[in-house]
Amino acid sequence: MSKKALLMILDGWGIGDQGKDDVIFNTPTPYWDSLLAAYPHSELQASGENVGLPDGQMGNSEVGHLNIGAGRIVYQDLVKINRACADGSILKNKEIVSAFSYAKENGKNIHFMGLTSNGGVHSSFDHLFKLCDISKEYGIENTFIHCFMDGRDTDPKSGKCFIEQLTAHCEKSAGKIASIVGRFYAMDRDKRWERVKVAYDCW
């Protein structure tokens, strides 16, 4: 191969509105500027439907990495599950049917564990609501929700609002909040057992 190309991924780098809050625009970037001056370049969108997310959904590093070089839109799991919830096909998902049928037939409890926020990176609030609705449809007597509070992909002070929304939905659907823990503990990715143990012991 006589000509080579280098793919560089700069997480968090982007083209803003050039206002006073645009850190990249207001910071000296001589090398970056020299690249733009010397070589052809273009811009692309890195959020919403352009990268397989719902319209208006903020992009993130995982989504960017999946789409770069794909040559097509890579539809994210978030969109696929949203569609399944909207058209009702989630009710035919074999894993959903298997889990809820087993719980119903054997008098077992259902436990939902995951982020309780609308961050859209690792979870979706709407999906949790739908699972509560499915639990009600199956007539599951005990549905317990173990909330991982976000504060990273959403406002650090937004948790109270999410809990209030979830509580209101459970009152007309199914589910009871059984535990609340922060993602710092429940979703630690640095293999720090002393953190995870806090969440583990709660369950």
N, C-alpha and C. Protein backbone atom coordinates (compact mmCIF):
# COMPACT_ATOMS: atom_id res chain seq x y z
N MET A 1 0.85 -1.19 0.00
CA MET A 1 0.00 0.00 0.00
C MET A 1 0.89 1.24 0.00
N SER A 2 0.86 1.99 -1.10
CA SER A 2 1.75 3.15 -1.22
C SER A 2 1.27 4.34 -0.42
N LYS A 3 -0.05 4.49 -0.30
CA LYS A 3 -0.60 5.61 0.46
C LYS A 3 -1.25 5.10 1.74
N LYS A 4 -0.94 5.75 2.80
CA LYS A 4 -1.47 5.32 4.09
C LYS A 4 -2.35 6.40 4.70
N ALA A 5 -3.27 5.99 5.51
CA ALA A 5 -4.17 6.93 6.19
C ALA A 5 -4.13 6.67 7.69
N LEU A 6 -4.27 7.71 8.45
CA LEU A 6 -4.28 7.60 9.90
C LEU A 6 -5.64 8.06 10.42
N LEU A 7 -6.29 7.20 11.17
CA LEU A 7 -7.57 7.55 11.78
C LEU A 7 -7.31 7.98 13.22
N MET A 8 -7.55 9.25 13.51
CA MET A 8 -7.37 9.77 14.86
C MET A 8 -8.74 10.09 15.47
N ILE A 9 -8.97 9.58 16.65
CA ILE A 9 -10.23 9.85 17.35
C ILE A 9 -9.95 10.76 18.53
N LEU A 10 -10.55 11.94 18.50
CA LEU A 10 -10.38 12.91 19.58
C LEU A 10 -11.69 12.98 20.37
N ASP A 11 -11.80 12.18 21.40
CA ASP A 11 -13.02 12.18 22.21
C ASP A 11 -13.26 13.55 22.82
N GLY A 12 -14.49 14.03 22.71
CA GLY A 12 -14.84 15.31 23.31
C GLY A 12 -14.54 16.51 22.44
N TRP A 13 -13.91 16.29 21.29
CA TRP A 13 -13.56 17.39 20.38
C TRP A 13 -14.72 17.62 19.43
N GLY A 14 -15.01 18.87 19.17
CA GLY A 14 -16.10 19.14 18.24
C GLY A 14 -16.10 20.57 17.76
N ILE A 15 -16.98 20.85 16.83
CA ILE A 15 -17.12 22.20 16.27
C ILE A 15 -18.35 22.83 16.91
N GLY A 16 -18.13 23.89 17.67
CA GLY A 16 -19.21 24.52 18.40
C GLY A 16 -19.75 25.77 17.73
N ASP A 17 -20.43 26.60 18.52
CA ASP A 17 -21.05 27.81 17.97
C ASP A 17 -20.14 29.03 18.01
N GLN A 18 -18.89 28.80 18.44
CA GLN A 18 -17.87 29.85 18.50
C GLN A 18 -18.24 30.98 19.46
N GLY A 19 -19.07 30.66 20.45
CA GLY A 19 -19.43 31.65 21.47
C GLY A 19 -18.42 31.64 22.60
N LYS A 20 -18.69 32.40 23.64
CA LYS A 20 -17.74 32.52 24.75
C LYS A 20 -17.61 31.22 25.55
N ASP A 21 -18.61 30.33 25.43
CA ASP A 21 -18.55 29.06 26.14
C ASP A 21 -17.94 27.94 25.30
N ASP A 22 -17.54 28.26 24.08
CA ASP A 22 -16.94 27.28 23.18
C ASP A 22 -15.45 27.17 23.51
N VAL A 23 -15.10 26.21 24.36
CA VAL A 23 -13.73 26.10 24.87
C VAL A 23 -12.72 25.85 23.76
N ILE A 24 -13.04 24.97 22.84
CA ILE A 24 -12.09 24.65 21.77
C ILE A 24 -11.84 25.86 20.89
N PHE A 25 -12.89 26.58 20.55
CA PHE A 25 -12.75 27.77 19.71
C PHE A 25 -11.94 28.85 20.41
N ASN A 26 -12.10 28.98 21.70
CA ASN A 26 -11.44 30.05 22.45
C ASN A 26 -10.07 29.66 23.00
N THR A 27 -9.60 28.48 22.65
CA THR A 27 -8.28 28.02 23.09
C THR A 27 -7.34 27.96 21.89
N PRO A 28 -6.11 28.42 22.02
CA PRO A 28 -5.15 28.33 20.90
C PRO A 28 -4.91 26.87 20.51
N THR A 29 -5.15 26.55 19.24
CA THR A 29 -4.92 25.19 18.73
C THR A 29 -4.12 25.29 17.44
N PRO A 30 -2.87 25.73 17.51
CA PRO A 30 -2.07 25.98 16.31
C PRO A 30 -1.90 24.77 15.39
N TYR A 31 -1.66 23.59 15.97
CA TYR A 31 -1.45 22.43 15.11
C TYR A 31 -2.75 22.04 14.41
N TRP A 32 -3.84 22.04 15.16
CA TRP A 32 -5.14 21.74 14.56
C TRP A 32 -5.47 22.73 13.44
N ASP A 33 -5.21 24.00 13.71
CA ASP A 33 -5.47 25.04 12.71
C ASP A 33 -4.63 24.84 11.47
N SER A 34 -3.39 24.37 11.65
CA SER A 34 -2.51 24.14 10.50
C SER A 34 -3.01 23.00 9.63
N LEU A 35 -3.60 21.99 10.26
CA LEU A 35 -4.17 20.87 9.50
C LEU A 35 -5.34 21.34 8.64
N LEU A 36 -6.20 22.15 9.24
CA LEU A 36 -7.36 22.67 8.50
C LEU A 36 -6.93 23.57 7.35
N ALA A 37 -5.84 24.30 7.55
CA ALA A 37 -5.37 25.22 6.52
C ALA A 37 -4.69 24.50 5.37
N ALA A 38 -4.07 23.37 5.66
CA ALA A 38 -3.26 22.68 4.65
C ALA A 38 -3.97 21.55 3.93
N TYR A 39 -5.02 21.01 4.51
CA TYR A 39 -5.64 19.82 3.93
C TYR A 39 -7.17 19.98 3.78
N PRO A 40 -7.74 19.29 2.80
CA PRO A 40 -9.20 19.33 2.63
C PRO A 40 -9.87 18.73 3.87
N HIS A 41 -11.03 19.25 4.19
CA HIS A 41 -11.74 18.73 5.36
C HIS A 41 -13.23 19.00 5.22
N SER A 42 -13.99 18.33 6.02
CA SER A 42 -15.44 18.53 6.02
C SER A 42 -15.97 18.31 7.43
N GLU A 43 -17.25 18.55 7.62
CA GLU A 43 -17.88 18.38 8.92
C GLU A 43 -18.96 17.30 8.84
N LEU A 44 -19.21 16.65 9.95
CA LEU A 44 -20.30 15.68 9.99
C LEU A 44 -21.01 15.77 11.34
N GLN A 45 -22.23 15.29 11.35
CA GLN A 45 -23.02 15.30 12.57
C GLN A 45 -22.70 14.05 13.40
N ALA A 46 -22.65 14.19 14.71
CA ALA A 46 -22.27 13.07 15.57
C ALA A 46 -23.30 12.82 16.67
N SER A 47 -24.56 13.12 16.37
CA SER A 47 -25.61 12.90 17.36
C SER A 47 -26.92 12.58 16.65
N GLY A 48 -27.91 12.20 17.43
CA GLY A 48 -29.24 11.95 16.88
C GLY A 48 -29.29 10.87 15.82
N GLU A 49 -30.20 11.04 14.87
CA GLU A 49 -30.44 10.03 13.85
C GLU A 49 -29.25 9.81 12.93
N ASN A 50 -28.33 10.78 12.89
CA ASN A 50 -27.15 10.64 12.02
C ASN A 50 -26.22 9.52 12.47
N VAL A 51 -26.31 9.13 13.73
CA VAL A 51 -25.47 8.05 14.23
C VAL A 51 -26.31 6.91 14.82
N GLY A 52 -27.57 6.85 14.41
CA GLY A 52 -28.43 5.75 14.83
C GLY A 52 -29.06 5.91 16.19
N LEU A 53 -29.09 7.16 16.69
CA LEU A 53 -29.75 7.46 17.96
C LEU A 53 -31.10 8.10 17.70
N PRO A 54 -31.95 8.21 18.71
CA PRO A 54 -33.22 8.93 18.52
C PRO A 54 -32.96 10.39 18.17
N ASP A 55 -33.88 11.01 17.48
CA ASP A 55 -33.75 12.41 17.10
C ASP A 55 -33.54 13.27 18.35
N GLY A 56 -32.51 14.10 18.32
CA GLY A 56 -32.23 14.99 19.44
C GLY A 56 -31.38 14.39 20.54
N GLN A 57 -31.08 13.09 20.44
CA GLN A 57 -30.28 12.44 21.48
C GLN A 57 -28.81 12.81 21.33
N MET A 58 -28.19 13.22 22.41
CA MET A 58 -26.79 13.59 22.41
C MET A 58 -25.91 12.39 22.06
N GLY A 59 -24.88 12.62 21.27
CA GLY A 59 -23.94 11.57 20.93
C GLY A 59 -23.03 11.26 22.11
N ASN A 60 -22.25 10.18 21.99
CA ASN A 60 -21.29 9.83 23.03
C ASN A 60 -20.15 9.06 22.40
N SER A 61 -19.12 8.78 23.16
CA SER A 61 -17.93 8.15 22.59
C SER A 61 -18.21 6.77 22.01
N GLU A 62 -19.03 5.96 22.72
CA GLU A 62 -19.32 4.62 22.22
C GLU A 62 -19.97 4.66 20.84
N VAL A 63 -20.93 5.54 20.69
CA VAL A 63 -21.65 5.68 19.42
C VAL A 63 -20.71 6.17 18.32
N GLY A 64 -19.87 7.13 18.65
CA GLY A 64 -18.92 7.64 17.68
C GLY A 64 -17.97 6.57 17.19
N HIS A 65 -17.47 5.76 18.11
CA HIS A 65 -16.53 4.71 17.74
C HIS A 65 -17.18 3.67 16.83
N LEU A 66 -18.45 3.37 17.07
CA LEU A 66 -19.14 2.39 16.25
C LEU A 66 -19.39 2.89 14.83
N ASN A 67 -19.64 4.18 14.69
CA ASN A 67 -20.01 4.74 13.39
C ASN A 67 -18.82 5.14 12.52
N ILE A 68 -17.71 5.52 13.15
CA ILE A 68 -16.55 5.96 12.37
C ILE A 68 -16.06 4.84 11.46
N GLY A 69 -16.02 5.11 10.18
CA GLY A 69 -15.52 4.15 9.21
C GLY A 69 -16.51 3.08 8.81
N ALA A 70 -17.73 3.12 9.36
CA ALA A 70 -18.70 2.07 9.04
C ALA A 70 -19.27 2.23 7.63
N GLY A 71 -19.30 3.47 7.13
CA GLY A 71 -19.84 3.70 5.80
C GLY A 71 -21.36 3.65 5.76
N ARG A 72 -21.98 3.62 6.90
CA ARG A 72 -23.44 3.56 7.00
C ARG A 72 -23.83 4.00 8.41
N ILE A 73 -25.11 4.20 8.61
CA ILE A 73 -25.60 4.51 9.96
C ILE A 73 -25.71 3.21 10.75
N VAL A 74 -25.06 3.16 11.89
CA VAL A 74 -25.15 1.99 12.76
C VAL A 74 -26.24 2.27 13.80
N TYR A 75 -27.38 1.64 13.63
CA TYR A 75 -28.49 1.88 14.55
C TYR A 75 -28.18 1.28 15.92
N GLN A 76 -28.30 2.12 16.94
CA GLN A 76 -27.95 1.72 18.29
C GLN A 76 -29.05 0.87 18.93
N ASP A 77 -28.65 0.11 19.94
CA ASP A 77 -29.62 -0.73 20.66
C ASP A 77 -30.76 0.11 21.21
N LEU A 78 -30.43 1.34 21.62
CA LEU A 78 -31.46 2.24 22.16
C LEU A 78 -32.60 2.41 21.17
N VAL A 79 -32.25 2.64 19.91
CA VAL A 79 -33.27 2.84 18.87
C VAL A 79 -34.04 1.54 18.61
N LYS A 80 -33.32 0.43 18.54
CA LYS A 80 -33.96 -0.86 18.29
C LYS A 80 -34.98 -1.19 19.38
N ILE A 81 -34.59 -0.95 20.63
CA ILE A 81 -35.50 -1.26 21.73
C ILE A 81 -36.66 -0.27 21.76
N ASN A 82 -36.38 1.00 21.45
CA ASN A 82 -37.46 1.99 21.37
C ASN A 82 -38.52 1.55 20.38
N ARG A 83 -38.06 1.08 19.21
CA ARG A 83 -39.00 0.64 18.17
C ARG A 83 -39.79 -0.57 18.63
N ALA A 84 -39.11 -1.50 19.31
CA ALA A 84 -39.79 -2.71 19.79
C ALA A 84 -40.85 -2.36 20.84
N CYS A 85 -40.55 -1.35 21.67
CA CYS A 85 -41.54 -0.91 22.67
C CYS A 85 -42.72 -0.22 21.99
N ALA A 86 -42.42 0.57 20.97
CA ALA A 86 -43.47 1.34 20.30
C ALA A 86 -44.42 0.46 19.49
N ASP A 87 -43.86 -0.54 18.78
CA ASP A 87 -44.73 -1.37 17.93
C ASP A 87 -45.22 -2.64 18.63
N GLY A 88 -44.81 -2.82 19.88
CA GLY A 88 -45.30 -3.97 20.65
C GLY A 88 -44.54 -5.26 20.42
N SER A 89 -43.55 -5.24 19.53
CA SER A 89 -42.82 -6.48 19.23
C SER A 89 -41.98 -6.95 20.41
N ILE A 90 -41.73 -6.06 21.38
CA ILE A 90 -40.97 -6.48 22.56
C ILE A 90 -41.71 -7.58 23.32
N LEU A 91 -43.03 -7.60 23.19
CA LEU A 91 -43.83 -8.62 23.87
C LEU A 91 -43.63 -10.01 23.28
N LYS A 92 -43.01 -10.05 22.09
CA LYS A 92 -42.73 -11.33 21.44
C LYS A 92 -41.27 -11.73 21.56
N ASN A 93 -40.47 -10.85 22.18
CA ASN A 93 -39.05 -11.15 22.37
C ASN A 93 -38.92 -12.40 23.23
N LYS A 94 -38.18 -13.38 22.75
CA LYS A 94 -38.15 -14.68 23.43
C LYS A 94 -37.59 -14.60 24.85
N GLU A 95 -36.64 -13.70 25.08
CA GLU A 95 -36.08 -13.57 26.42
C GLU A 95 -37.09 -12.93 27.38
N ILE A 96 -37.81 -11.94 26.87
CA ILE A 96 -38.85 -11.30 27.67
C ILE A 96 -39.95 -12.30 28.02
N VAL A 97 -40.43 -13.01 27.01
CA VAL A 97 -41.48 -14.01 27.21
C VAL A 97 -41.03 -15.08 28.19
N SER A 98 -39.80 -15.56 28.02
CA SER A 98 -39.27 -16.62 28.88
C SER A 98 -39.19 -16.18 30.34
N ALA A 99 -38.64 -14.98 30.57
CA ALA A 99 -38.44 -14.50 31.94
C ALA A 99 -39.76 -14.25 32.66
N PHE A 100 -40.67 -13.55 31.99
CA PHE A 100 -41.94 -13.21 32.64
C PHE A 100 -42.84 -14.44 32.78
N SER A 101 -42.81 -15.32 31.80
CA SER A 101 -43.63 -16.54 31.88
C SER A 101 -43.16 -17.42 33.03
N TYR A 102 -41.85 -17.54 33.16
CA TYR A 102 -41.28 -18.36 34.25
C TYR A 102 -41.68 -17.79 35.61
N ALA A 103 -41.56 -16.47 35.75
CA ALA A 103 -41.91 -15.83 37.02
C ALA A 103 -43.38 -16.03 37.35
N LYS A 104 -44.24 -15.90 36.35
CA LYS A 104 -45.68 -16.05 36.56
C LYS A 104 -46.04 -17.49 36.93
N GLU A 105 -45.50 -18.44 36.18
CA GLU A 105 -45.85 -19.84 36.37
C GLU A 105 -45.31 -20.42 37.68
N ASN A 106 -44.22 -19.83 38.17
CA ASN A 106 -43.57 -20.38 39.37
C ASN A 106 -43.68 -19.47 40.59
N GLY A 107 -44.50 -18.43 40.48
CA GLY A 107 -44.69 -17.53 41.62
C GLY A 107 -43.42 -16.82 42.06
N LYS A 108 -42.58 -16.48 41.10
CA LYS A 108 -41.30 -15.82 41.42
C LYS A 108 -41.43 -14.30 41.35
N ASN A 109 -40.49 -13.65 42.02
CA ASN A 109 -40.42 -12.19 41.95
C ASN A 109 -39.65 -11.76 40.71
N ILE A 110 -39.90 -10.55 40.26
CA ILE A 110 -39.16 -9.94 39.15
C ILE A 110 -38.31 -8.80 39.73
N HIS A 111 -37.05 -8.77 39.33
CA HIS A 111 -36.15 -7.69 39.77
C HIS A 111 -35.60 -6.96 38.55
N PHE A 112 -35.73 -5.65 38.54
CA PHE A 112 -35.13 -4.82 37.50
C PHE A 112 -33.96 -4.06 38.12
N MET A 113 -32.80 -4.13 37.49
CA MET A 113 -31.61 -3.45 38.00
C MET A 113 -30.98 -2.65 36.87
N GLY A 114 -30.72 -1.36 37.12
CA GLY A 114 -30.07 -0.56 36.09
C GLY A 114 -30.18 0.93 36.36
N LEU A 115 -29.58 1.70 35.46
CA LEU A 115 -29.60 3.15 35.60
C LEU A 115 -31.03 3.68 35.56
N THR A 116 -31.31 4.58 36.46
CA THR A 116 -32.64 5.21 36.52
C THR A 116 -32.49 6.65 36.06
N SER A 117 -32.41 6.82 34.75
CA SER A 117 -32.25 8.16 34.18
C SER A 117 -32.61 8.12 32.70
N ASN A 118 -32.64 9.27 32.08
CA ASN A 118 -32.90 9.34 30.64
C ASN A 118 -31.63 9.68 29.87
N GLY A 119 -30.48 9.30 30.42
CA GLY A 119 -29.21 9.60 29.78
C GLY A 119 -29.09 9.00 28.39
N GLY A 120 -29.68 7.82 28.18
CA GLY A 120 -29.67 7.21 26.86
C GLY A 120 -28.36 6.56 26.46
N VAL A 121 -27.40 6.51 27.36
CA VAL A 121 -26.11 5.88 27.03
C VAL A 121 -26.12 4.42 27.45
N HIS A 122 -26.41 4.16 28.71
CA HIS A 122 -26.45 2.79 29.23
C HIS A 122 -27.87 2.34 29.56
N SER A 123 -28.82 3.21 29.42
CA SER A 123 -30.19 2.85 29.78
C SER A 123 -31.18 3.85 29.21
N SER A 124 -32.45 3.51 29.34
CA SER A 124 -33.52 4.43 28.94
C SER A 124 -34.64 4.34 29.97
N PHE A 125 -35.07 5.47 30.45
CA PHE A 125 -36.17 5.51 31.42
C PHE A 125 -37.43 4.87 30.82
N ASP A 126 -37.66 5.12 29.55
CA ASP A 126 -38.86 4.58 28.88
C ASP A 126 -38.85 3.06 28.87
N HIS A 127 -37.67 2.47 28.75
CA HIS A 127 -37.58 1.01 28.74
C HIS A 127 -37.97 0.44 30.10
N LEU A 128 -37.55 1.11 31.16
CA LEU A 128 -37.92 0.66 32.51
C LEU A 128 -39.42 0.75 32.70
N PHE A 129 -40.01 1.84 32.23
CA PHE A 129 -41.46 1.99 32.31
C PHE A 129 -42.16 0.85 31.57
N LYS A 130 -41.65 0.53 30.40
CA LYS A 130 -42.26 -0.54 29.59
C LYS A 130 -42.15 -1.88 30.30
N LEU A 131 -41.03 -2.15 30.94
CA LEU A 131 -40.87 -3.41 31.67
C LEU A 131 -41.86 -3.49 32.83
N CYS A 132 -42.08 -2.37 33.48
CA CYS A 132 -43.08 -2.33 34.56
C CYS A 132 -44.47 -2.66 34.00
N ASP A 133 -44.77 -2.10 32.83
CA ASP A 133 -46.06 -2.35 32.19
C ASP A 133 -46.22 -3.83 31.82
N ILE A 134 -45.13 -4.42 31.33
CA ILE A 134 -45.18 -5.84 30.95
C ILE A 134 -45.40 -6.70 32.20
N SER A 135 -44.75 -6.32 33.28
CA SER A 135 -44.92 -7.05 34.54
C SER A 135 -46.38 -7.00 34.99
N LYS A 136 -47.00 -5.85 34.79
CA LYS A 136 -48.42 -5.72 35.15
C LYS A 136 -49.27 -6.60 34.25
N GLU A 137 -48.95 -6.63 32.96
CA GLU A 137 -49.71 -7.45 32.00
C GLU A 137 -49.65 -8.92 32.39
N TYR A 138 -48.48 -9.36 32.84
CA TYR A 138 -48.31 -10.76 33.22
C TYR A 138 -48.90 -11.06 34.60
N GLY A 139 -49.25 -10.01 35.31
CA GLY A 139 -49.82 -10.20 36.64
C GLY A 139 -48.80 -10.66 37.67
N ILE A 140 -47.56 -10.20 37.52
CA ILE A 140 -46.52 -10.56 38.48
C ILE A 140 -46.82 -9.86 39.81
N GLU A 141 -46.87 -10.64 40.88
CA GLU A 141 -47.28 -10.08 42.17
C GLU A 141 -46.23 -9.13 42.76
N ASN A 142 -44.96 -9.51 42.66
CA ASN A 142 -43.90 -8.69 43.24
C ASN A 142 -42.86 -8.31 42.19
N THR A 143 -42.79 -7.03 41.89
CA THR A 143 -41.81 -6.50 40.94
C THR A 143 -40.96 -5.47 41.68
N PHE A 144 -39.68 -5.75 41.81
CA PHE A 144 -38.79 -4.88 42.57
C PHE A 144 -37.80 -4.16 41.66
N ILE A 145 -37.61 -2.89 41.91
CA ILE A 145 -36.72 -2.07 41.09
C ILE A 145 -35.52 -1.62 41.92
N HIS A 146 -34.33 -1.90 41.42
CA HIS A 146 -33.09 -1.51 42.08
C HIS A 146 -32.48 -0.38 41.24
N CYS A 147 -32.60 0.82 41.74
CA CYS A 147 -32.21 2.02 40.98
C CYS A 147 -30.73 2.35 41.11
N PHE A 148 -30.06 2.47 39.97
CA PHE A 148 -28.70 3.00 39.94
C PHE A 148 -28.83 4.46 39.53
N MET A 149 -28.50 5.37 40.41
CA MET A 149 -28.64 6.78 40.09
C MET A 149 -27.46 7.22 39.22
N ASP A 150 -27.74 8.12 38.28
CA ASP A 150 -26.78 8.45 37.23
C ASP A 150 -25.82 9.56 37.66
N GLY A 151 -26.08 10.78 37.26
CA GLY A 151 -25.21 11.88 37.65
C GLY A 151 -23.99 12.04 36.79
N ARG A 152 -23.82 11.16 35.81
CA ARG A 152 -22.70 11.29 34.88
C ARG A 152 -23.21 11.63 33.48
N ASP A 153 -24.17 10.87 33.00
CA ASP A 153 -24.77 11.15 31.70
C ASP A 153 -25.96 12.10 31.82
N THR A 154 -26.31 12.44 33.05
CA THR A 154 -27.39 13.40 33.31
C THR A 154 -26.93 14.36 34.41
N ASP A 155 -27.73 15.38 34.66
CA ASP A 155 -27.42 16.35 35.71
C ASP A 155 -27.24 15.64 37.05
N PRO A 156 -26.16 15.94 37.77
CA PRO A 156 -25.90 15.29 39.06
C PRO A 156 -27.03 15.47 40.08
N LYS A 157 -27.87 16.48 39.89
CA LYS A 157 -28.94 16.74 40.84
C LYS A 157 -30.32 16.33 40.31
N SER A 158 -30.32 15.54 39.24
CA SER A 158 -31.60 15.18 38.60
C SER A 158 -32.23 13.92 39.18
N GLY A 159 -31.52 13.22 40.04
CA GLY A 159 -32.00 11.94 40.56
C GLY A 159 -33.35 12.00 41.25
N LYS A 160 -33.57 13.03 42.05
CA LYS A 160 -34.83 13.16 42.79
C LYS A 160 -36.02 13.20 41.83
N CYS A 161 -35.85 13.91 40.73
CA CYS A 161 -36.92 14.02 39.74
C CYS A 161 -37.21 12.67 39.10
N PHE A 162 -36.15 11.90 38.81
CA PHE A 162 -36.34 10.59 38.19
C PHE A 162 -37.06 9.63 39.14
N ILE A 163 -36.71 9.69 40.41
CA ILE A 163 -37.36 8.83 41.40
C ILE A 163 -38.84 9.19 41.51
N GLU A 164 -39.15 10.47 41.48
CA GLU A 164 -40.55 10.91 41.56
C GLU A 164 -41.34 10.42 40.35
N GLN A 165 -40.72 10.51 39.16
CA GLN A 165 -41.39 10.04 37.94
C GLN A 165 -41.62 8.54 37.99
N LEU A 166 -40.61 7.81 38.45
CA LEU A 166 -40.72 6.36 38.53
C LEU A 166 -41.80 5.95 39.53
N THR A 167 -41.82 6.61 40.66
CA THR A 167 -42.83 6.31 41.69
C THR A 167 -44.24 6.53 41.14
N ALA A 168 -44.41 7.63 40.42
CA ALA A 168 -45.73 7.94 39.85
C ALA A 168 -46.14 6.89 38.83
N HIS A 169 -45.18 6.42 38.02
CA HIS A 169 -45.51 5.40 37.01
C HIS A 169 -45.85 4.07 37.68
N CYS A 170 -45.12 3.71 38.70
CA CYS A 170 -45.36 2.44 39.39
C CYS A 170 -46.75 2.39 40.02
N GLU A 171 -47.24 3.53 40.44
CA GLU A 171 -48.56 3.59 41.08
C GLU A 171 -49.68 3.17 40.12
N LYS A 172 -49.48 3.42 38.83
CA LYS A 172 -50.50 3.04 37.85
C LYS A 172 -50.10 1.79 37.06
N SER A 173 -48.88 1.33 37.27
CA SER A 173 -48.40 0.16 36.55
C SER A 173 -48.03 -0.92 37.56
N ALA A 174 -46.80 -1.37 37.54
CA ALA A 174 -46.32 -2.36 38.51
C ALA A 174 -44.92 -1.96 38.95
N GLY A 175 -44.52 -2.43 40.11
CA GLY A 175 -43.17 -2.17 40.57
C GLY A 175 -43.08 -1.39 41.86
N LYS A 176 -42.08 -1.74 42.65
CA LYS A 176 -41.78 -1.03 43.89
C LYS A 176 -40.27 -0.78 43.93
N ILE A 177 -39.88 0.39 44.36
CA ILE A 177 -38.46 0.69 44.49
C ILE A 177 -37.93 -0.06 45.70
N ALA A 178 -36.95 -0.95 45.46
CA ALA A 178 -36.40 -1.78 46.53
C ALA A 178 -35.06 -1.27 47.05
N SER A 179 -34.29 -0.63 46.18
CA SER A 179 -32.99 -0.10 46.60
C SER A 179 -32.56 1.03 45.69
N ILE A 180 -31.74 1.92 46.24
CA ILE A 180 -31.19 3.04 45.48
C ILE A 180 -29.70 3.13 45.77
N VAL A 181 -28.89 3.15 44.73
CA VAL A 181 -27.44 3.25 44.89
C VAL A 181 -26.87 4.03 43.71
N GLY A 182 -25.75 4.68 43.90
CA GLY A 182 -25.14 5.44 42.81
C GLY A 182 -24.37 4.57 41.85
N ARG A 183 -24.24 5.00 40.61
CA ARG A 183 -23.50 4.24 39.60
C ARG A 183 -22.02 4.16 39.93
N PHE A 184 -21.52 5.08 40.76
CA PHE A 184 -20.13 5.05 41.20
C PHE A 184 -19.82 3.70 41.84
N TYR A 185 -20.83 3.13 42.52
CA TYR A 185 -20.67 1.84 43.18
C TYR A 185 -21.18 0.70 42.30
N ALA A 186 -22.40 0.83 41.81
CA ALA A 186 -23.04 -0.28 41.09
C ALA A 186 -22.45 -0.52 39.71
N MET A 187 -21.83 0.48 39.11
CA MET A 187 -21.31 0.34 37.74
C MET A 187 -19.82 0.64 37.65
N ASP A 188 -19.09 0.40 38.73
CA ASP A 188 -17.65 0.64 38.69
C ASP A 188 -17.00 -0.23 37.62
N ARG A 189 -16.14 0.37 36.80
CA ARG A 189 -15.49 -0.39 35.72
C ARG A 189 -13.99 -0.49 35.93
N ASP A 190 -13.54 -0.17 37.13
CA ASP A 190 -12.11 -0.24 37.43
C ASP A 190 -11.77 -1.45 38.29
N LYS A 191 -12.70 -2.39 38.38
CA LYS A 191 -12.50 -3.63 39.14
C LYS A 191 -12.18 -3.36 40.62
N ARG A 192 -12.85 -2.35 41.16
CA ARG A 192 -12.65 -2.02 42.58
C ARG A 192 -13.78 -2.66 43.39
N TRP A 193 -13.50 -3.83 43.92
CA TRP A 193 -14.51 -4.59 44.62
C TRP A 193 -15.07 -3.84 45.82
N GLU A 194 -14.24 -3.01 46.46
CA GLU A 194 -14.72 -2.28 47.63
C GLU A 194 -15.87 -1.35 47.27
N ARG A 195 -15.92 -0.91 46.02
CA ARG A 195 -17.04 -0.08 45.56
C ARG A 195 -18.25 -0.96 45.24
N VAL A 196 -18.01 -1.96 44.41
CA VAL A 196 -19.10 -2.82 43.96
C VAL A 196 -19.77 -3.52 45.15
N LYS A 197 -18.97 -3.85 46.16
CA LYS A 197 -19.50 -4.56 47.33
C LYS A 197 -20.60 -3.75 48.03
N VAL A 198 -20.48 -2.43 48.01
CA VAL A 198 -21.50 -1.58 48.62
C VAL A 198 -22.85 -1.84 47.97
N ALA A 199 -22.85 -1.91 46.63
CA ALA A 199 -24.09 -2.17 45.89
C ALA A 199 -24.51 -3.63 46.04
N TYR A 200 -23.55 -4.53 45.95
CA TYR A 200 -23.82 -5.97 46.03
C TYR A 200 -24.49 -6.33 47.36
N ASP A 201 -23.97 -5.79 48.45
CA ASP A 201 -24.53 -6.09 49.77
C ASP A 201 -25.94 -5.54 49.92
N CYS A 202 -26.24 -4.50 49.14
CA CYS A 202 -27.58 -3.91 49.19
C CYS A 202 -28.62 -4.85 48.60
N TRP A 203 -28.20 -5.67 47.64
CA TRP A 203 -29.13 -6.55 46.95
C TRP A 203 -29.32 -7.87 47.68
